[in-house]
Full PDB file with SEQRES, HELIX, SHEET, SSBOND, CRYST1, ORIGX, SCALE, CONECT and MASTER records, all heavy atoms in Angstrom:
SEQRES   1 A   41  LYS ASP ALA GLY TYR GLU ASN ALA GLU ALA LYS LYS GLY          
SEQRES   2 A   41  LEU ALA LYS VAL SER ILE VAL GLY ALA GLY MET ALA THR          
SEQRES   3 A   41  HIS PRO GLY VAL ALA CYS SER MET PHE GLU ALA LEU SER          
SEQRES   4 A   41  ALA LYS                                                      
HELIX    1 AA1 MET A   24  THR A   26  5                                   3    
HELIX    2 AA2 VAL A   30  ALA A   40  1                                  11    
CRYST1    1.000    1.000    1.000  90.00  90.00  90.00 P 1           1          
ORIGX1      1.000000  0.000000  0.000000        0.00000                         
ORIGX2      0.000000  1.000000  0.000000        0.00000                         
ORIGX3      0.000000  0.000000  1.000000        0.00000                         
SCALE1      1.000000  0.000000  0.000000        0.00000                         
SCALE2      0.000000  1.000000  0.000000        0.00000                         
SCALE3      0.000000  0.000000  1.000000        0.00000                         
ATOM      1  N   LYS A   1     301.612  28.223  87.086  1.00  0.00           N  
ATOM      2  CA  LYS A   1     301.360  28.256  88.525  1.00  0.00           C  
ATOM      3  C   LYS A   1     301.575  29.653  89.086  1.00  0.00           C  
ATOM      4  O   LYS A   1     300.845  30.160  89.964  1.00  0.00           O  
ATOM      5  CB  LYS A   1     302.190  27.187  89.245  1.00  0.00           C  
ATOM      6  CG  LYS A   1     301.752  25.782  89.020  1.00  0.00           C  
ATOM      7  CD  LYS A   1     302.542  24.801  89.818  1.00  0.00           C  
ATOM      8  CE  LYS A   1     302.100  23.382  89.582  1.00  0.00           C  
ATOM      9  NZ  LYS A   1     300.741  23.071  90.074  1.00  0.00           N  
ATOM     10  N   ASP A   2     302.652  30.373  88.617  1.00  0.00           N  
ATOM     11  CA  ASP A   2     302.879  31.698  89.031  1.00  0.00           C  
ATOM     12  C   ASP A   2     301.775  32.652  88.643  1.00  0.00           C  
ATOM     13  O   ASP A   2     301.582  33.668  89.309  1.00  0.00           O  
ATOM     14  CB  ASP A   2     304.229  32.176  88.451  1.00  0.00           C  
ATOM     15  CG  ASP A   2     305.440  31.504  89.033  1.00  0.00           C  
ATOM     16  OD1 ASP A   2     305.287  30.848  90.075  1.00  0.00           O  
ATOM     17  OD2 ASP A   2     306.531  31.674  88.504  1.00  0.00           O  
ATOM     18  N   ALA A   3     301.076  32.334  87.530  1.00  0.00           N  
ATOM     19  CA  ALA A   3     299.974  33.145  87.109  1.00  0.00           C  
ATOM     20  C   ALA A   3     298.646  32.761  87.735  1.00  0.00           C  
ATOM     21  O   ALA A   3     297.610  33.313  87.353  1.00  0.00           O  
ATOM     22  CB  ALA A   3     299.870  33.028  85.552  1.00  0.00           C  
ATOM     23  N   GLY A   4     298.669  31.824  88.651  1.00  0.00           N  
ATOM     24  CA  GLY A   4     297.434  31.465  89.404  1.00  0.00           C  
ATOM     25  C   GLY A   4     296.790  30.184  88.964  1.00  0.00           C  
ATOM     26  O   GLY A   4     295.751  29.776  89.521  1.00  0.00           O  
ATOM     27  N   TYR A   5     297.330  29.505  87.955  1.00  0.00           N  
ATOM     28  CA  TYR A   5     296.745  28.208  87.503  1.00  0.00           C  
ATOM     29  C   TYR A   5     297.387  27.082  88.322  1.00  0.00           C  
ATOM     30  O   TYR A   5     298.221  26.308  87.855  1.00  0.00           O  
ATOM     31  CB  TYR A   5     296.995  28.029  86.024  1.00  0.00           C  
ATOM     32  CG  TYR A   5     296.357  29.054  85.162  1.00  0.00           C  
ATOM     33  CD1 TYR A   5     297.045  30.174  84.711  1.00  0.00           C  
ATOM     34  CD2 TYR A   5     294.997  28.959  84.797  1.00  0.00           C  
ATOM     35  CE1 TYR A   5     296.479  31.133  83.853  1.00  0.00           C  
ATOM     36  CE2 TYR A   5     294.422  29.907  83.974  1.00  0.00           C  
ATOM     37  CZ  TYR A   5     295.148  30.965  83.559  1.00  0.00           C  
ATOM     38  OH  TYR A   5     294.538  31.956  82.735  1.00  0.00           O  
ATOM     39  N   GLU A   6     296.975  27.003  89.616  1.00  0.00           N  
ATOM     40  CA  GLU A   6     297.631  26.103  90.575  1.00  0.00           C  
ATOM     41  C   GLU A   6     297.485  24.611  90.195  1.00  0.00           C  
ATOM     42  O   GLU A   6     298.329  23.818  90.621  1.00  0.00           O  
ATOM     43  CB  GLU A   6     297.019  26.308  91.978  1.00  0.00           C  
ATOM     44  CG  GLU A   6     297.334  27.680  92.578  1.00  0.00           C  
ATOM     45  CD  GLU A   6     298.841  27.826  92.849  1.00  0.00           C  
ATOM     46  OE1 GLU A   6     299.524  26.811  93.030  1.00  0.00           O  
ATOM     47  OE2 GLU A   6     299.323  28.969  92.892  1.00  0.00           O  
ATOM     48  N   ASN A   7     296.395  24.243  89.499  1.00  0.00           N  
ATOM     49  CA  ASN A   7     296.238  22.783  89.177  1.00  0.00           C  
ATOM     50  C   ASN A   7     296.770  22.366  87.823  1.00  0.00           C  
ATOM     51  O   ASN A   7     296.448  21.320  87.327  1.00  0.00           O  
ATOM     52  CB  ASN A   7     294.763  22.414  89.324  1.00  0.00           C  
ATOM     53  CG  ASN A   7     293.856  23.261  88.411  1.00  0.00           C  
ATOM     54  OD1 ASN A   7     294.392  23.954  87.512  1.00  0.00           O  
ATOM     55  ND2 ASN A   7     292.592  23.208  88.621  1.00  0.00           N  
ATOM     56  N   ALA A   8     297.619  23.237  87.261  1.00  0.00           N  
ATOM     57  CA  ALA A   8     298.233  22.881  85.989  1.00  0.00           C  
ATOM     58  C   ALA A   8     299.135  21.616  86.145  1.00  0.00           C  
ATOM     59  O   ALA A   8     299.907  21.567  87.143  1.00  0.00           O  
ATOM     60  CB  ALA A   8     299.034  24.039  85.442  1.00  0.00           C  
ATOM     61  N   GLU A   9     299.004  20.635  85.321  1.00  0.00           N  
ATOM     62  CA  GLU A   9     299.814  19.435  85.438  1.00  0.00           C  
ATOM     63  C   GLU A   9     300.239  18.954  84.056  1.00  0.00           C  
ATOM     64  O   GLU A   9     299.516  19.250  83.075  1.00  0.00           O  
ATOM     65  CB  GLU A   9     299.050  18.317  86.214  1.00  0.00           C  
ATOM     66  CG  GLU A   9     297.691  17.947  85.560  1.00  0.00           C  
ATOM     67  CD  GLU A   9     296.916  16.933  86.390  1.00  0.00           C  
ATOM     68  OE1 GLU A   9     297.093  16.984  87.612  1.00  0.00           O  
ATOM     69  OE2 GLU A   9     296.215  16.127  85.808  1.00  0.00           O  
ATOM     70  N   ALA A  10     301.308  18.211  84.027  1.00  0.00           N  
ATOM     71  CA  ALA A  10     301.818  17.736  82.715  1.00  0.00           C  
ATOM     72  C   ALA A  10     301.986  16.230  82.679  1.00  0.00           C  
ATOM     73  O   ALA A  10     302.272  15.608  83.685  1.00  0.00           O  
ATOM     74  CB  ALA A  10     303.197  18.425  82.457  1.00  0.00           C  
ATOM     75  N   LYS A  11     301.758  15.714  81.572  1.00  0.00           N  
ATOM     76  CA  LYS A  11     301.992  14.281  81.234  1.00  0.00           C  
ATOM     77  C   LYS A  11     303.043  14.160  80.145  1.00  0.00           C  
ATOM     78  O   LYS A  11     302.842  14.629  79.031  1.00  0.00           O  
ATOM     79  CB  LYS A  11     300.686  13.604  80.752  1.00  0.00           C  
ATOM     80  CG  LYS A  11     300.811  12.148  80.462  1.00  0.00           C  
ATOM     81  CD  LYS A  11     299.451  11.588  79.952  1.00  0.00           C  
ATOM     82  CE  LYS A  11     299.542  10.138  79.571  1.00  0.00           C  
ATOM     83  NZ  LYS A  11     298.232   9.629  79.063  1.00  0.00           N  
ATOM     84  N   LYS A  12     304.195  13.581  80.470  1.00  0.00           N  
ATOM     85  CA  LYS A  12     305.309  13.462  79.577  1.00  0.00           C  
ATOM     86  C   LYS A  12     305.268  12.078  78.871  1.00  0.00           C  
ATOM     87  O   LYS A  12     304.375  11.298  79.070  1.00  0.00           O  
ATOM     88  CB  LYS A  12     306.628  13.619  80.332  1.00  0.00           C  
ATOM     89  CG  LYS A  12     306.816  14.996  80.924  1.00  0.00           C  
ATOM     90  CD  LYS A  12     308.212  15.060  81.582  1.00  0.00           C  
ATOM     91  CE  LYS A  12     308.415  16.397  82.211  1.00  0.00           C  
ATOM     92  NZ  LYS A  12     309.801  16.472  82.859  1.00  0.00           N  
ATOM     93  N   GLY A  13     306.262  11.869  78.003  1.00  0.00           N  
ATOM     94  CA  GLY A  13     306.416  10.575  77.338  1.00  0.00           C  
ATOM     95  C   GLY A  13     305.370  10.341  76.240  1.00  0.00           C  
ATOM     96  O   GLY A  13     304.964   9.189  75.998  1.00  0.00           O  
ATOM     97  N   LEU A  14     304.930  11.411  75.562  1.00  0.00           N  
ATOM     98  CA  LEU A  14     303.974  11.285  74.480  1.00  0.00           C  
ATOM     99  C   LEU A  14     304.615  11.563  73.122  1.00  0.00           C  
ATOM    100  O   LEU A  14     305.708  12.138  73.024  1.00  0.00           O  
ATOM    101  CB  LEU A  14     302.822  12.231  74.736  1.00  0.00           C  
ATOM    102  CG  LEU A  14     302.023  12.011  76.062  1.00  0.00           C  
ATOM    103  CD1 LEU A  14     301.018  13.110  76.275  1.00  0.00           C  
ATOM    104  CD2 LEU A  14     301.325  10.637  76.025  1.00  0.00           C  
ATOM    105  N   ALA A  15     303.878  11.254  72.083  1.00  0.00           N  
ATOM    106  CA  ALA A  15     304.353  11.471  70.732  1.00  0.00           C  
ATOM    107  C   ALA A  15     303.187  11.733  69.814  1.00  0.00           C  
ATOM    108  O   ALA A  15     302.034  11.297  70.116  1.00  0.00           O  
ATOM    109  CB  ALA A  15     305.121  10.253  70.226  1.00  0.00           C  
ATOM    110  N   LYS A  16     303.412  12.366  68.688  1.00  0.00           N  
ATOM    111  CA  LYS A  16     302.372  12.658  67.748  1.00  0.00           C  
ATOM    112  C   LYS A  16     302.597  11.888  66.490  1.00  0.00           C  
ATOM    113  O   LYS A  16     303.719  11.887  65.908  1.00  0.00           O  
ATOM    114  CB  LYS A  16     302.404  14.210  67.445  1.00  0.00           C  
ATOM    115  CG  LYS A  16     301.275  14.628  66.473  1.00  0.00           C  
ATOM    116  CD  LYS A  16     301.200  16.129  66.375  1.00  0.00           C  
ATOM    117  CE  LYS A  16     302.494  16.743  65.856  1.00  0.00           C  
ATOM    118  NZ  LYS A  16     302.352  18.215  65.689  1.00  0.00           N  
ATOM    119  N   VAL A  17     301.598  11.140  66.088  1.00  0.00           N  
ATOM    120  CA  VAL A  17     301.671  10.441  64.763  1.00  0.00           C  
ATOM    121  C   VAL A  17     300.657  11.139  63.828  1.00  0.00           C  
ATOM    122  O   VAL A  17     299.541  11.446  64.236  1.00  0.00           O  
ATOM    123  CB  VAL A  17     301.362   8.924  64.887  1.00  0.00           C  
ATOM    124  CG1 VAL A  17     302.470   8.231  65.628  1.00  0.00           C  
ATOM    125  CG2 VAL A  17     300.010   8.672  65.522  1.00  0.00           C  
ATOM    126  N   SER A  18     301.108  11.317  62.574  1.00  0.00           N  
ATOM    127  CA  SER A  18     300.266  12.051  61.613  1.00  0.00           C  
ATOM    128  C   SER A  18     300.231  11.443  60.294  1.00  0.00           C  
ATOM    129  O   SER A  18     301.213  10.903  59.768  1.00  0.00           O  
ATOM    130  CB  SER A  18     300.790  13.544  61.479  1.00  0.00           C  
ATOM    131  OG  SER A  18     301.004  14.130  62.740  1.00  0.00           O  
ATOM    132  N   ILE A  19     299.038  11.505  59.611  1.00  0.00           N  
ATOM    133  CA  ILE A  19     298.900  11.148  58.244  1.00  0.00           C  
ATOM    134  C   ILE A  19     298.724  12.414  57.415  1.00  0.00           C  
ATOM    135  O   ILE A  19     298.092  13.327  57.861  1.00  0.00           O  
ATOM    136  CB  ILE A  19     297.780  10.120  58.005  1.00  0.00           C  
ATOM    137  CG1 ILE A  19     296.418  10.752  58.493  1.00  0.00           C  
ATOM    138  CG2 ILE A  19     298.054   8.786  58.719  1.00  0.00           C  
ATOM    139  CD1 ILE A  19     295.210   9.872  58.136  1.00  0.00           C  
ATOM    140  N   VAL A  20     299.328  12.423  56.218  1.00  0.00           N  
ATOM    141  CA  VAL A  20     299.305  13.604  55.399  1.00  0.00           C  
ATOM    142  C   VAL A  20     298.933  13.208  53.925  1.00  0.00           C  
ATOM    143  O   VAL A  20     299.431  12.229  53.410  1.00  0.00           O  
ATOM    144  CB  VAL A  20     300.699  14.294  55.404  1.00  0.00           C  
ATOM    145  CG1 VAL A  20     300.728  15.440  54.426  1.00  0.00           C  
ATOM    146  CG2 VAL A  20     301.047  14.775  56.756  1.00  0.00           C  
ATOM    147  N   GLY A  21     298.069  14.034  53.385  1.00  0.00           N  
ATOM    148  CA  GLY A  21     297.699  13.805  51.990  1.00  0.00           C  
ATOM    149  C   GLY A  21     296.750  14.866  51.486  1.00  0.00           C  
ATOM    150  O   GLY A  21     295.739  15.163  52.115  1.00  0.00           O  
ATOM    151  N   ALA A  22     297.069  15.506  50.299  1.00  0.00           N  
ATOM    152  CA  ALA A  22     296.208  16.532  49.765  1.00  0.00           C  
ATOM    153  C   ALA A  22     294.873  16.008  49.353  1.00  0.00           C  
ATOM    154  O   ALA A  22     293.901  16.765  49.271  1.00  0.00           O  
ATOM    155  CB  ALA A  22     296.915  17.140  48.508  1.00  0.00           C  
ATOM    156  N   GLY A  23     294.727  14.722  49.142  1.00  0.00           N  
ATOM    157  CA  GLY A  23     293.453  14.127  48.684  1.00  0.00           C  
ATOM    158  C   GLY A  23     292.500  13.778  49.773  1.00  0.00           C  
ATOM    159  O   GLY A  23     291.362  13.385  49.517  1.00  0.00           O  
ATOM    160  N   MET A  24     292.888  13.881  51.076  1.00  0.00           N  
ATOM    161  CA  MET A  24     292.008  13.403  52.141  1.00  0.00           C  
ATOM    162  C   MET A  24     290.722  14.213  52.232  1.00  0.00           C  
ATOM    163  O   MET A  24     289.748  13.711  52.699  1.00  0.00           O  
ATOM    164  CB  MET A  24     292.706  13.307  53.452  1.00  0.00           C  
ATOM    165  CG  MET A  24     293.188  14.556  54.071  1.00  0.00           C  
ATOM    166  SD  MET A  24     293.822  14.281  55.776  1.00  0.00           S  
ATOM    167  CE  MET A  24     295.129  13.100  55.499  1.00  0.00           C  
ATOM    168  N   ALA A  25     290.779  15.489  51.823  1.00  0.00           N  
ATOM    169  CA  ALA A  25     289.601  16.350  51.928  1.00  0.00           C  
ATOM    170  C   ALA A  25     288.481  15.851  50.983  1.00  0.00           C  
ATOM    171  O   ALA A  25     287.308  16.105  51.322  1.00  0.00           O  
ATOM    172  CB  ALA A  25     289.962  17.785  51.577  1.00  0.00           C  
ATOM    173  N   THR A  26     288.837  15.140  49.949  1.00  0.00           N  
ATOM    174  CA  THR A  26     287.841  14.644  49.012  1.00  0.00           C  
ATOM    175  C   THR A  26     287.589  13.166  49.138  1.00  0.00           C  
ATOM    176  O   THR A  26     286.898  12.542  48.295  1.00  0.00           O  
ATOM    177  CB  THR A  26     288.279  14.962  47.544  1.00  0.00           C  
ATOM    178  OG1 THR A  26     289.610  14.412  47.311  1.00  0.00           O  
ATOM    179  CG2 THR A  26     288.356  16.481  47.310  1.00  0.00           C  
ATOM    180  N   HIS A  27     288.127  12.549  50.198  1.00  0.00           N  
ATOM    181  CA  HIS A  27     287.940  11.146  50.439  1.00  0.00           C  
ATOM    182  C   HIS A  27     287.329  10.913  51.818  1.00  0.00           C  
ATOM    183  O   HIS A  27     288.067  10.974  52.824  1.00  0.00           O  
ATOM    184  CB  HIS A  27     289.291  10.352  50.315  1.00  0.00           C  
ATOM    185  CG  HIS A  27     289.833  10.184  48.968  1.00  0.00           C  
ATOM    186  ND1 HIS A  27     290.297  11.241  48.211  1.00  0.00           N  
ATOM    187  CD2 HIS A  27     289.823   9.117  48.128  1.00  0.00           C  
ATOM    188  CE1 HIS A  27     290.674  10.797  47.020  1.00  0.00           C  
ATOM    189  NE2 HIS A  27     290.397   9.512  46.961  1.00  0.00           N  
ATOM    190  N   PRO A  28     286.018  10.726  51.921  1.00  0.00           N  
ATOM    191  CA  PRO A  28     285.410  10.549  53.237  1.00  0.00           C  
ATOM    192  C   PRO A  28     285.926   9.223  53.939  1.00  0.00           C  
ATOM    193  O   PRO A  28     286.340   8.302  53.312  1.00  0.00           O  
ATOM    194  CB  PRO A  28     283.911  10.326  52.882  1.00  0.00           C  
ATOM    195  CG  PRO A  28     283.740  10.857  51.516  1.00  0.00           C  
ATOM    196  CD  PRO A  28     285.040  10.742  50.797  1.00  0.00           C  
ATOM    197  N   GLY A  29     286.012   9.262  55.232  1.00  0.00           N  
ATOM    198  CA  GLY A  29     286.337   8.111  56.007  1.00  0.00           C  
ATOM    199  C   GLY A  29     287.779   7.913  56.328  1.00  0.00           C  
ATOM    200  O   GLY A  29     288.210   6.947  56.912  1.00  0.00           O  
ATOM    201  N   VAL A  30     288.665   8.897  55.938  1.00  0.00           N  
ATOM    202  CA  VAL A  30     290.113   8.783  56.212  1.00  0.00           C  
ATOM    203  C   VAL A  30     290.357   8.794  57.723  1.00  0.00           C  
ATOM    204  O   VAL A  30     291.151   7.974  58.234  1.00  0.00           O  
ATOM    205  CB  VAL A  30     290.904   9.911  55.475  1.00  0.00           C  
ATOM    206  CG1 VAL A  30     292.370   9.882  55.890  1.00  0.00           C  
ATOM    207  CG2 VAL A  30     290.711   9.839  53.987  1.00  0.00           C  
ATOM    208  N   ALA A  31     289.760   9.748  58.421  1.00  0.00           N  
ATOM    209  CA  ALA A  31     289.922   9.793  59.875  1.00  0.00           C  
ATOM    210  C   ALA A  31     289.457   8.465  60.507  1.00  0.00           C  
ATOM    211  O   ALA A  31     290.171   7.937  61.417  1.00  0.00           O  
ATOM    212  CB  ALA A  31     289.155  10.971  60.476  1.00  0.00           C  
ATOM    213  N   CYS A  32     288.343   7.975  60.118  1.00  0.00           N  
ATOM    214  CA  CYS A  32     287.818   6.731  60.677  1.00  0.00           C  
ATOM    215  C   CYS A  32     288.817   5.590  60.489  1.00  0.00           C  
ATOM    216  O   CYS A  32     289.022   4.771  61.372  1.00  0.00           O  
ATOM    217  CB  CYS A  32     286.490   6.404  60.019  1.00  0.00           C  
ATOM    218  SG  CYS A  32     285.697   4.889  60.672  1.00  0.00           S  
ATOM    219  N   SER A  33     289.366   5.512  59.265  1.00  0.00           N  
ATOM    220  CA  SER A  33     290.375   4.461  58.959  1.00  0.00           C  
ATOM    221  C   SER A  33     291.583   4.622  59.855  1.00  0.00           C  
ATOM    222  O   SER A  33     292.158   3.573  60.272  1.00  0.00           O  
ATOM    223  CB  SER A  33     290.759   4.531  57.517  1.00  0.00           C  
ATOM    224  OG  SER A  33     289.682   4.206  56.618  1.00  0.00           O  
ATOM    225  N   MET A  34     292.005   5.818  60.083  1.00  0.00           N  
ATOM    226  CA  MET A  34     293.164   6.075  60.934  1.00  0.00           C  
ATOM    227  C   MET A  34     292.912   5.577  62.368  1.00  0.00           C  
ATOM    228  O   MET A  34     293.695   4.823  62.937  1.00  0.00           O  
ATOM    229  CB  MET A  34     293.517   7.519  60.958  1.00  0.00           C  
ATOM    230  CG  MET A  34     294.728   7.890  61.869  1.00  0.00           C  
ATOM    231  SD  MET A  34     295.016   9.637  61.926  1.00  0.00           S  
ATOM    232  CE  MET A  34     296.557   9.673  62.891  1.00  0.00           C  
ATOM    233  N   PHE A  35     291.753   5.967  62.884  1.00  0.00           N  
ATOM    234  CA  PHE A  35     291.433   5.541  64.300  1.00  0.00           C  
ATOM    235  C   PHE A  35     291.177   4.078  64.449  1.00  0.00           C  
ATOM    236  O   PHE A  35     291.566   3.465  65.448  1.00  0.00           O  
ATOM    237  CB  PHE A  35     290.199   6.398  64.740  1.00  0.00           C  
ATOM    238  CG  PHE A  35     290.387   7.881  64.664  1.00  0.00           C  
ATOM    239  CD1 PHE A  35     289.304   8.711  64.436  1.00  0.00           C  
ATOM    240  CD2 PHE A  35     291.620   8.429  64.755  1.00  0.00           C  
ATOM    241  CE1 PHE A  35     289.433  10.077  64.334  1.00  0.00           C  
ATOM    242  CE2 PHE A  35     291.834   9.837  64.691  1.00  0.00           C  
ATOM    243  CZ  PHE A  35     290.682  10.644  64.423  1.00  0.00           C  
ATOM    244  N   GLU A  36     290.610   3.475  63.368  1.00  0.00           N  
ATOM    245  CA  GLU A  36     290.436   2.034  63.361  1.00  0.00           C  
ATOM    246  C   GLU A  36     291.790   1.256  63.434  1.00  0.00           C  
ATOM    247  O   GLU A  36     291.913   0.341  64.193  1.00  0.00           O  
ATOM    248  CB  GLU A  36     289.683   1.621  62.124  1.00  0.00           C  
ATOM    249  CG  GLU A  36     289.396   0.106  62.017  1.00  0.00           C  
ATOM    250  CD  GLU A  36     288.762  -0.317  60.664  1.00  0.00           C  
ATOM    251  OE1 GLU A  36     288.916   0.442  59.716  1.00  0.00           O  
ATOM    252  OE2 GLU A  36     288.190  -1.392  60.665  1.00  0.00           O  
ATOM    253  N   ALA A  37     292.719   1.749  62.619  1.00  0.00           N  
ATOM    254  CA  ALA A  37     294.058   1.086  62.600  1.00  0.00           C  
ATOM    255  C   ALA A  37     294.752   1.171  63.985  1.00  0.00           C  
ATOM    256  O   ALA A  37     295.360   0.219  64.460  1.00  0.00           O  
ATOM    257  CB  ALA A  37     294.913   1.750  61.564  1.00  0.00           C  
ATOM    258  N   LEU A  38     294.630   2.318  64.630  1.00  0.00           N  
ATOM    259  CA  LEU A  38     295.247   2.504  65.970  1.00  0.00           C  
ATOM    260  C   LEU A  38     294.542   1.702  67.051  1.00  0.00           C  
ATOM    261  O   LEU A  38     295.212   1.061  67.873  1.00  0.00           O  
ATOM    262  CB  LEU A  38     295.279   4.010  66.377  1.00  0.00           C  
ATOM    263  CG  LEU A  38     296.116   4.937  65.424  1.00  0.00           C  
ATOM    264  CD1 LEU A  38     295.991   6.381  65.856  1.00  0.00           C  
ATOM    265  CD2 LEU A  38     297.589   4.510  65.447  1.00  0.00           C  
ATOM    266  N   SER A  39     293.217   1.711  66.968  1.00  0.00           N  
ATOM    267  CA  SER A  39     292.475   0.948  68.034  1.00  0.00           C  
ATOM    268  C   SER A  39     292.685  -0.585  67.920  1.00  0.00           C  
ATOM    269  O   SER A  39     292.701  -1.290  68.889  1.00  0.00           O  
ATOM    270  CB  SER A  39     290.986   1.302  67.910  1.00  0.00           C  
ATOM    271  OG  SER A  39     290.414   0.778  66.753  1.00  0.00           O  
ATOM    272  N   ALA A  40     292.879  -1.039  66.661  1.00  0.00           N  
ATOM    273  CA  ALA A  40     293.127  -2.469  66.447  1.00  0.00           C  
ATOM    274  C   ALA A  40     294.406  -2.945  67.112  1.00  0.00           C  
ATOM    275  O   ALA A  40     294.559  -4.097  67.408  1.00  0.00           O  
ATOM    276  CB  ALA A  40     293.182  -2.755  64.949  1.00  0.00           C  
ATOM    277  N   LYS A  41     295.308  -2.021  67.320  1.00  0.00           N  
ATOM    278  CA  LYS A  41     296.592  -2.308  67.953  1.00  0.00           C  
ATOM    279  C   LYS A  41     296.555  -1.919  69.473  1.00  0.00           C  
ATOM    280  O   LYS A  41     297.592  -1.994  70.135  1.00  0.00           O  
ATOM    281  CB  LYS A  41     297.742  -1.577  67.245  1.00  0.00           C  
ATOM    282  CG  LYS A  41     297.998  -2.037  65.843  1.00  0.00           C  
ATOM    283  CD  LYS A  41     298.481  -3.451  65.758  1.00  0.00           C  
ATOM    284  CE  LYS A  41     298.777  -3.863  64.337  1.00  0.00           C  
ATOM    285  NZ  LYS A  41     299.250  -5.266  64.221  1.00  0.00           N  
TER     286      LYS A  41                                                      
MASTER        0    0    0    2    0    0    0    6  285    1    0    4          
END                                                                             
């Protein structure tokens, strides 16, 4: 805001969930499976 970005706003109470695996680059559909699991809940 001091630098002129008057409409800067924040949303708190968030978290990051991550999946990790060296093999995901060679396995198509990993991202889709992740998003499917989250959307189902």
